[in-house]
């Protein structure tokens, strides 16, 4: 099955619902929300679950989902088509020796390629901020994309990215706007030892 058609499991649907519940606890009255999502089937389903859980909350009548966007720039790192299990073990071993960020998977991408896509996405995101001024933006994507997005947004080095553990499935990573106009991550991120 192509990677972009892999659906959520029952566990994934439950995680999406729990994620939406956690996000709803962070929202304030009259928040205007925009959702961006990857076009992969599982992220579409995750976004559905998150949004449904948010709007089941008792305070949801005050919130406004002003837009939902799908962006191919948010897709997962391309690992090649129909991966062979033994070949992927060899590729991942070689990547470990070479370095995670710059290693381009045969017939696929490197995280550096994903970084370029994140840069294009950030331009779209910033234009959206100028036009609609949402209070809350929810990004529904993939583990490597999420880490690389944070790297791009916060100008982290590739060395730091390589130490950062993958983001847990369907766990919100919360960025909070500070008085100085900059964002900080309020979610603890784990690094490899």
C-alpha atoms as a PDB file:
ATOM      1  CA  UNK A   1       0.000   0.000   0.000  1.00  0.00           C
ATOM      2  CA  UNK A   2       1.372   3.465  -0.788  1.00  0.00           C
ATOM      3  CA  UNK A   3       2.384   5.425   2.310  1.00  0.00           C
ATOM      4  CA  UNK A   4      -0.062   8.241   1.575  1.00  0.00           C
ATOM      5  CA  UNK A   5      -3.021   5.798   1.649  1.00  0.00           C
ATOM      6  CA  UNK A   6      -2.227   4.114   4.980  1.00  0.00           C
ATOM      7  CA  UNK A   7      -5.242   4.731   7.255  1.00  0.00           C
ATOM      8  CA  UNK A   8      -5.315   5.316  10.986  1.00  0.00           C
ATOM      9  CA  UNK A   9      -5.555   2.304  13.227  1.00  0.00           C
ATOM     10  CA  UNK A  10      -8.171   2.107  15.986  1.00  0.00           C
ATOM     11  CA  UNK A  11      -5.427   3.205  18.388  1.00  0.00           C
ATOM     12  CA  UNK A  12      -4.631   6.158  16.109  1.00  0.00           C
ATOM     13  CA  UNK A  13      -8.272   7.260  16.097  1.00  0.00           C
ATOM     14  CA  UNK A  14      -8.321   7.121  19.894  1.00  0.00           C
ATOM     15  CA  UNK A  15      -5.065   9.135  20.053  1.00  0.00           C
ATOM     16  CA  UNK A  16      -6.544  11.789  17.711  1.00  0.00           C
ATOM     17  CA  UNK A  17      -9.603  12.090  19.943  1.00  0.00           C
ATOM     18  CA  UNK A  18      -7.408  12.450  23.052  1.00  0.00           C
ATOM     19  CA  UNK A  19      -5.278  15.063  21.281  1.00  0.00           C
ATOM     20  CA  UNK A  20      -8.370  17.124  20.408  1.00  0.00           C
ATOM     21  CA  UNK A  21      -9.522  16.916  24.018  1.00  0.00           C
ATOM     22  CA  UNK A  22      -6.118  18.174  25.236  1.00  0.00           C
ATOM     23  CA  UNK A  23      -6.195  21.041  22.738  1.00  0.00           C
ATOM     24  CA  UNK A  24      -9.739  22.022  23.747  1.00  0.00           C
ATOM     25  CA  UNK A  25      -8.501  22.523  27.328  1.00  0.00           C
ATOM     26  CA  UNK A  26      -6.024  25.132  26.048  1.00  0.00           C
ATOM     27  CA  UNK A  27      -8.523  27.192  24.053  1.00  0.00           C
ATOM     28  CA  UNK A  28     -10.043  30.453  25.220  1.00  0.00           C
ATOM     29  CA  UNK A  29     -13.456  31.954  24.540  1.00  0.00           C
ATOM     30  CA  UNK A  30     -13.951  33.256  20.996  1.00  0.00           C
ATOM     31  CA  UNK A  31     -10.743  31.705  19.660  1.00  0.00           C
ATOM     32  CA  UNK A  32     -10.529  31.692  15.859  1.00  0.00           C
ATOM     33  CA  UNK A  33      -8.928  28.445  14.685  1.00  0.00           C
ATOM     34  CA  UNK A  34      -7.207  27.451  11.443  1.00  0.00           C
ATOM     35  CA  UNK A  35      -6.184  23.855  10.753  1.00  0.00           C
ATOM     36  CA  UNK A  36      -3.454  22.842   8.307  1.00  0.00           C
ATOM     37  CA  UNK A  37      -3.019  19.168   7.502  1.00  0.00           C
ATOM     38  CA  UNK A  38      -0.957  16.827   5.367  1.00  0.00           C
ATOM     39  CA  UNK A  39      -2.874  15.211   2.474  1.00  0.00           C
ATOM     40  CA  UNK A  40      -2.031  11.693   3.686  1.00  0.00           C
ATOM     41  CA  UNK A  41      -5.085   9.621   4.592  1.00  0.00           C
ATOM     42  CA  UNK A  42      -4.020   9.085   8.200  1.00  0.00           C
ATOM     43  CA  UNK A  43      -3.475  12.807   8.781  1.00  0.00           C
ATOM     44  CA  UNK A  44      -6.849  13.624   7.246  1.00  0.00           C
ATOM     45  CA  UNK A  45      -8.400  11.145   9.676  1.00  0.00           C
ATOM     46  CA  UNK A  46      -6.334  12.536  12.563  1.00  0.00           C
ATOM     47  CA  UNK A  47      -7.472  16.081  11.771  1.00  0.00           C
ATOM     48  CA  UNK A  48     -11.103  14.876  11.671  1.00  0.00           C
ATOM     49  CA  UNK A  49     -10.694  13.256  15.103  1.00  0.00           C
ATOM     50  CA  UNK A  50      -8.973  16.292  16.613  1.00  0.00           C
ATOM     51  CA  UNK A  51     -11.594  18.723  15.293  1.00  0.00           C
ATOM     52  CA  UNK A  52     -14.500  16.511  16.362  1.00  0.00           C
ATOM     53  CA  UNK A  53     -13.082  16.216  19.891  1.00  0.00           C
ATOM     54  CA  UNK A  54     -12.504  19.971  20.137  1.00  0.00           C
ATOM     55  CA  UNK A  55     -16.065  20.769  19.143  1.00  0.00           C
ATOM     56  CA  UNK A  56     -17.541  18.265  21.619  1.00  0.00           C
ATOM     57  CA  UNK A  57     -16.152  20.394  24.445  1.00  0.00           C
ATOM     58  CA  UNK A  58     -18.788  22.303  26.504  1.00  0.00           C
ATOM     59  CA  UNK A  59     -17.200  25.676  25.577  1.00  0.00           C
ATOM     60  CA  UNK A  60     -17.003  24.914  21.870  1.00  0.00           C
ATOM     61  CA  UNK A  61     -19.932  27.169  20.965  1.00  0.00           C
ATOM     62  CA  UNK A  62     -17.637  30.169  21.435  1.00  0.00           C
ATOM     63  CA  UNK A  63     -14.895  28.852  19.118  1.00  0.00           C
ATOM     64  CA  UNK A  64     -14.803  29.360  15.382  1.00  0.00           C
ATOM     65  CA  UNK A  65     -13.079  27.045  12.911  1.00  0.00           C
ATOM     66  CA  UNK A  66     -12.437  29.660  10.242  1.00  0.00           C
ATOM     67  CA  UNK A  67     -10.527  27.493   7.804  1.00  0.00           C
ATOM     68  CA  UNK A  68      -9.166  24.016   7.186  1.00  0.00           C
ATOM     69  CA  UNK A  69      -6.349  23.637   4.673  1.00  0.00           C
ATOM     70  CA  UNK A  70      -4.565  20.698   3.153  1.00  0.00           C
ATOM     71  CA  UNK A  71      -0.969  21.295   2.106  1.00  0.00           C
ATOM     72  CA  UNK A  72       1.247  18.766   0.266  1.00  0.00           C
ATOM     73  CA  UNK A  73       4.311  20.527   1.722  1.00  0.00           C
ATOM     74  CA  UNK A  74       3.312  18.981   5.089  1.00  0.00           C
ATOM     75  CA  UNK A  75       3.616  15.377   3.901  1.00  0.00           C
ATOM     76  CA  UNK A  76       5.913  12.921   5.648  1.00  0.00           C
ATOM     77  CA  UNK A  77       9.505  12.415   4.576  1.00  0.00           C
ATOM     78  CA  UNK A  78       9.462  10.255   1.463  1.00  0.00           C
ATOM     79  CA  UNK A  79      11.083   6.907   2.245  1.00  0.00           C
ATOM     80  CA  UNK A  80      10.766   5.584  -1.325  1.00  0.00           C
ATOM     81  CA  UNK A  81       8.031   3.534  -2.924  1.00  0.00           C
ATOM     82  CA  UNK A  82       6.975   0.181  -1.490  1.00  0.00           C
ATOM     83  CA  UNK A  83       9.993  -0.331   0.761  1.00  0.00           C
ATOM     84  CA  UNK A  84      11.590  -3.742   1.043  1.00  0.00           C
ATOM     85  CA  UNK A  85      12.023  -4.563   4.742  1.00  0.00           C
ATOM     86  CA  UNK A  86      15.577  -5.940   4.438  1.00  0.00           C
ATOM     87  CA  UNK A  87      16.687  -3.099   2.157  1.00  0.00           C
ATOM     88  CA  UNK A  88      15.232  -0.500   4.577  1.00  0.00           C
ATOM     89  CA  UNK A  89      17.240  -2.029   7.455  1.00  0.00           C
ATOM     90  CA  UNK A  90      20.378  -1.556   5.348  1.00  0.00           C
ATOM     91  CA  UNK A  91      19.362   2.002   4.420  1.00  0.00           C
ATOM     92  CA  UNK A  92      18.667   2.942   8.046  1.00  0.00           C
ATOM     93  CA  UNK A  93      21.997   1.458   9.139  1.00  0.00           C
ATOM     94  CA  UNK A  94      23.796   3.434   6.432  1.00  0.00           C
ATOM     95  CA  UNK A  95      21.885   6.580   7.439  1.00  0.00           C
ATOM     96  CA  UNK A  96      23.012   6.063  11.039  1.00  0.00           C
ATOM     97  CA  UNK A  97      26.644   6.053   9.878  1.00  0.00           C
ATOM     98  CA  UNK A  98      26.216   8.977   7.470  1.00  0.00           C
ATOM     99  CA  UNK A  99      24.032  11.251   9.596  1.00  0.00           C
ATOM    100  CA  UNK A 100      20.262  11.599   9.821  1.00  0.00           C
ATOM    101  CA  UNK A 101      19.716  15.115   8.460  1.00  0.00           C
ATOM    102  CA  UNK A 102      21.634  14.983   5.190  1.00  0.00           C
ATOM    103  CA  UNK A 103      21.157  11.318   4.262  1.00  0.00           C
ATOM    104  CA  UNK A 104      18.870  11.021   1.241  1.00  0.00           C
ATOM    105  CA  UNK A 105      17.020   7.730   1.160  1.00  0.00           C
ATOM    106  CA  UNK A 106      17.258   6.068  -2.281  1.00  0.00           C
ATOM    107  CA  UNK A 107      14.166   7.083  -4.308  1.00  0.00           C
ATOM    108  CA  UNK A 108      13.160   9.270  -1.357  1.00  0.00           C
ATOM    109  CA  UNK A 109      14.151  12.329   0.624  1.00  0.00           C
ATOM    110  CA  UNK A 110      16.439  13.477   3.373  1.00  0.00           C
ATOM    111  CA  UNK A 111      15.244  15.594   6.315  1.00  0.00           C
ATOM    112  CA  UNK A 112      17.157  18.419   4.570  1.00  0.00           C
ATOM    113  CA  UNK A 113      14.687  18.050   1.667  1.00  0.00           C
ATOM    114  CA  UNK A 114      11.831  18.182   4.175  1.00  0.00           C
ATOM    115  CA  UNK A 115      13.393  21.379   5.561  1.00  0.00           C
ATOM    116  CA  UNK A 116      13.016  22.981   2.124  1.00  0.00           C
ATOM    117  CA  UNK A 117       9.339  22.010   2.054  1.00  0.00           C
ATOM    118  CA  UNK A 118       8.889  23.417   5.573  1.00  0.00           C
ATOM    119  CA  UNK A 119      10.348  26.707   4.369  1.00  0.00           C
ATOM    120  CA  UNK A 120       7.765  26.885   1.579  1.00  0.00           C
ATOM    121  CA  UNK A 121       5.018  26.008   4.064  1.00  0.00           C
ATOM    122  CA  UNK A 122       6.186  28.712   6.511  1.00  0.00           C
ATOM    123  CA  UNK A 123       5.811  31.341   3.775  1.00  0.00           C
ATOM    124  CA  UNK A 124       2.200  30.247   3.255  1.00  0.00           C
ATOM    125  CA  UNK A 125       1.579  30.172   7.004  1.00  0.00           C
ATOM    126  CA  UNK A 126       2.913  33.712   7.493  1.00  0.00           C
ATOM    127  CA  UNK A 127       0.777  35.020   4.600  1.00  0.00           C
ATOM    128  CA  UNK A 128      -2.260  33.411   6.267  1.00  0.00           C
ATOM    129  CA  UNK A 129      -1.407  35.171   9.544  1.00  0.00           C
ATOM    130  CA  UNK A 130      -1.399  38.521   7.750  1.00  0.00           C
ATOM    131  CA  UNK A 131      -4.789  37.962   6.100  1.00  0.00           C
ATOM    132  CA  UNK A 132      -6.809  36.172   8.789  1.00  0.00           C
ATOM    133  CA  UNK A 133      -5.096  36.722  12.147  1.00  0.00           C
ATOM    134  CA  UNK A 134      -6.135  33.406  13.714  1.00  0.00           C
ATOM    135  CA  UNK A 135      -5.832  32.979  17.470  1.00  0.00           C
ATOM    136  CA  UNK A 136      -4.942  29.296  17.177  1.00  0.00           C
ATOM    137  CA  UNK A 137      -3.248  27.341  14.398  1.00  0.00           C
ATOM    138  CA  UNK A 138      -3.320  23.554  14.500  1.00  0.00           C
ATOM    139  CA  UNK A 139      -0.832  21.674  12.308  1.00  0.00           C
ATOM    140  CA  UNK A 140      -1.578  17.999  11.702  1.00  0.00           C
ATOM    141  CA  UNK A 141       1.334  16.279  10.024  1.00  0.00           C
ATOM    142  CA  UNK A 142       4.007  13.651  10.692  1.00  0.00           C
ATOM    143  CA  UNK A 143       6.832  13.023  13.157  1.00  0.00           C
ATOM    144  CA  UNK A 144       9.846  13.917  11.037  1.00  0.00           C
ATOM    145  CA  UNK A 145       8.015  16.820   9.406  1.00  0.00           C
ATOM    146  CA  UNK A 146       7.073  18.167  12.842  1.00  0.00           C
ATOM    147  CA  UNK A 147      10.644  18.040  14.115  1.00  0.00           C
ATOM    148  CA  UNK A 148      11.996  19.645  10.956  1.00  0.00           C
ATOM    149  CA  UNK A 149       9.289  22.339  11.094  1.00  0.00           C
ATOM    150  CA  UNK A 150      10.381  23.226  14.638  1.00  0.00           C
ATOM    151  CA  UNK A 151      14.018  23.254  13.486  1.00  0.00           C
ATOM    152  CA  UNK A 152      13.143  25.630  10.657  1.00  0.00           C
ATOM    153  CA  UNK A 153      10.902  27.871  12.764  1.00  0.00           C
ATOM    154  CA  UNK A 154      13.311  28.184  15.705  1.00  0.00           C
ATOM    155  CA  UNK A 155      16.515  28.130  13.614  1.00  0.00           C
ATOM    156  CA  UNK A 156      17.934  25.059  15.337  1.00  0.00           C
ATOM    157  CA  UNK A 157      21.102  23.407  14.086  1.00  0.00           C
ATOM    158  CA  UNK A 158      20.982  20.066  12.342  1.00  0.00           C
ATOM    159  CA  UNK A 159      23.073  18.662  15.203  1.00  0.00           C
ATOM    160  CA  UNK A 160      20.286  19.510  17.654  1.00  0.00           C
ATOM    161  CA  UNK A 161      17.670  17.994  15.345  1.00  0.00           C
ATOM    162  CA  UNK A 162      19.642  14.751  15.194  1.00  0.00           C
ATOM    163  CA  UNK A 163      19.568  14.555  19.014  1.00  0.00           C
ATOM    164  CA  UNK A 164      15.824  15.249  19.239  1.00  0.00           C
ATOM    165  CA  UNK A 165      13.550  12.228  19.639  1.00  0.00           C
ATOM    166  CA  UNK A 166      10.664  11.838  17.256  1.00  0.00           C
ATOM    167  CA  UNK A 167       7.476  13.568  18.352  1.00  0.00           C
ATOM    168  CA  UNK A 168       4.949  11.189  19.934  1.00  0.00           C
ATOM    169  CA  UNK A 169       1.929  10.305  17.793  1.00  0.00           C
ATOM    170  CA  UNK A 170      -1.034  12.656  18.269  1.00  0.00           C
ATOM    171  CA  UNK A 171       0.540  14.560  21.137  1.00  0.00           C
ATOM    172  CA  UNK A 172       0.170  18.327  20.861  1.00  0.00           C
ATOM    173  CA  UNK A 173       3.363  20.358  20.790  1.00  0.00           C
ATOM    174  CA  UNK A 174       2.267  23.760  22.044  1.00  0.00           C
ATOM    175  CA  UNK A 175       3.887  27.029  21.022  1.00  0.00           C
ATOM    176  CA  UNK A 176       2.905  30.019  23.154  1.00  0.00           C
ATOM    177  CA  UNK A 177       3.139  33.641  22.025  1.00  0.00           C
ATOM    178  CA  UNK A 178       5.151  35.781  24.438  1.00  0.00           C
ATOM    179  CA  UNK A 179       4.791  39.503  25.166  1.00  0.00           C
ATOM    180  CA  UNK A 180       7.823  40.199  22.967  1.00  0.00           C
ATOM    181  CA  UNK A 181       6.005  38.727  19.937  1.00  0.00           C
ATOM    182  CA  UNK A 182       8.073  35.538  19.867  1.00  0.00           C
ATOM    183  CA  UNK A 183       6.925  31.979  20.407  1.00  0.00           C
ATOM    184  CA  UNK A 184       8.304  29.486  22.893  1.00  0.00           C
ATOM    185  CA  UNK A 185       7.625  25.764  23.101  1.00  0.00           C
ATOM    186  CA  UNK A 186       5.757  24.936  26.290  1.00  0.00           C
ATOM    187  CA  UNK A 187       5.836  21.187  25.601  1.00  0.00           C
ATOM    188  CA  UNK A 188       8.923  19.340  26.893  1.00  0.00           C
ATOM    189  CA  UNK A 189      10.806  17.682  24.029  1.00  0.00           C
ATOM    190  CA  UNK A 190      12.927  14.601  24.606  1.00  0.00           C
ATOM    191  CA  UNK A 191      16.434  14.066  23.271  1.00  0.00           C
ATOM    192  CA  UNK A 192      18.409  10.885  22.772  1.00  0.00           C
ATOM    193  CA  UNK A 193      21.036  10.377  25.446  1.00  0.00           C
END
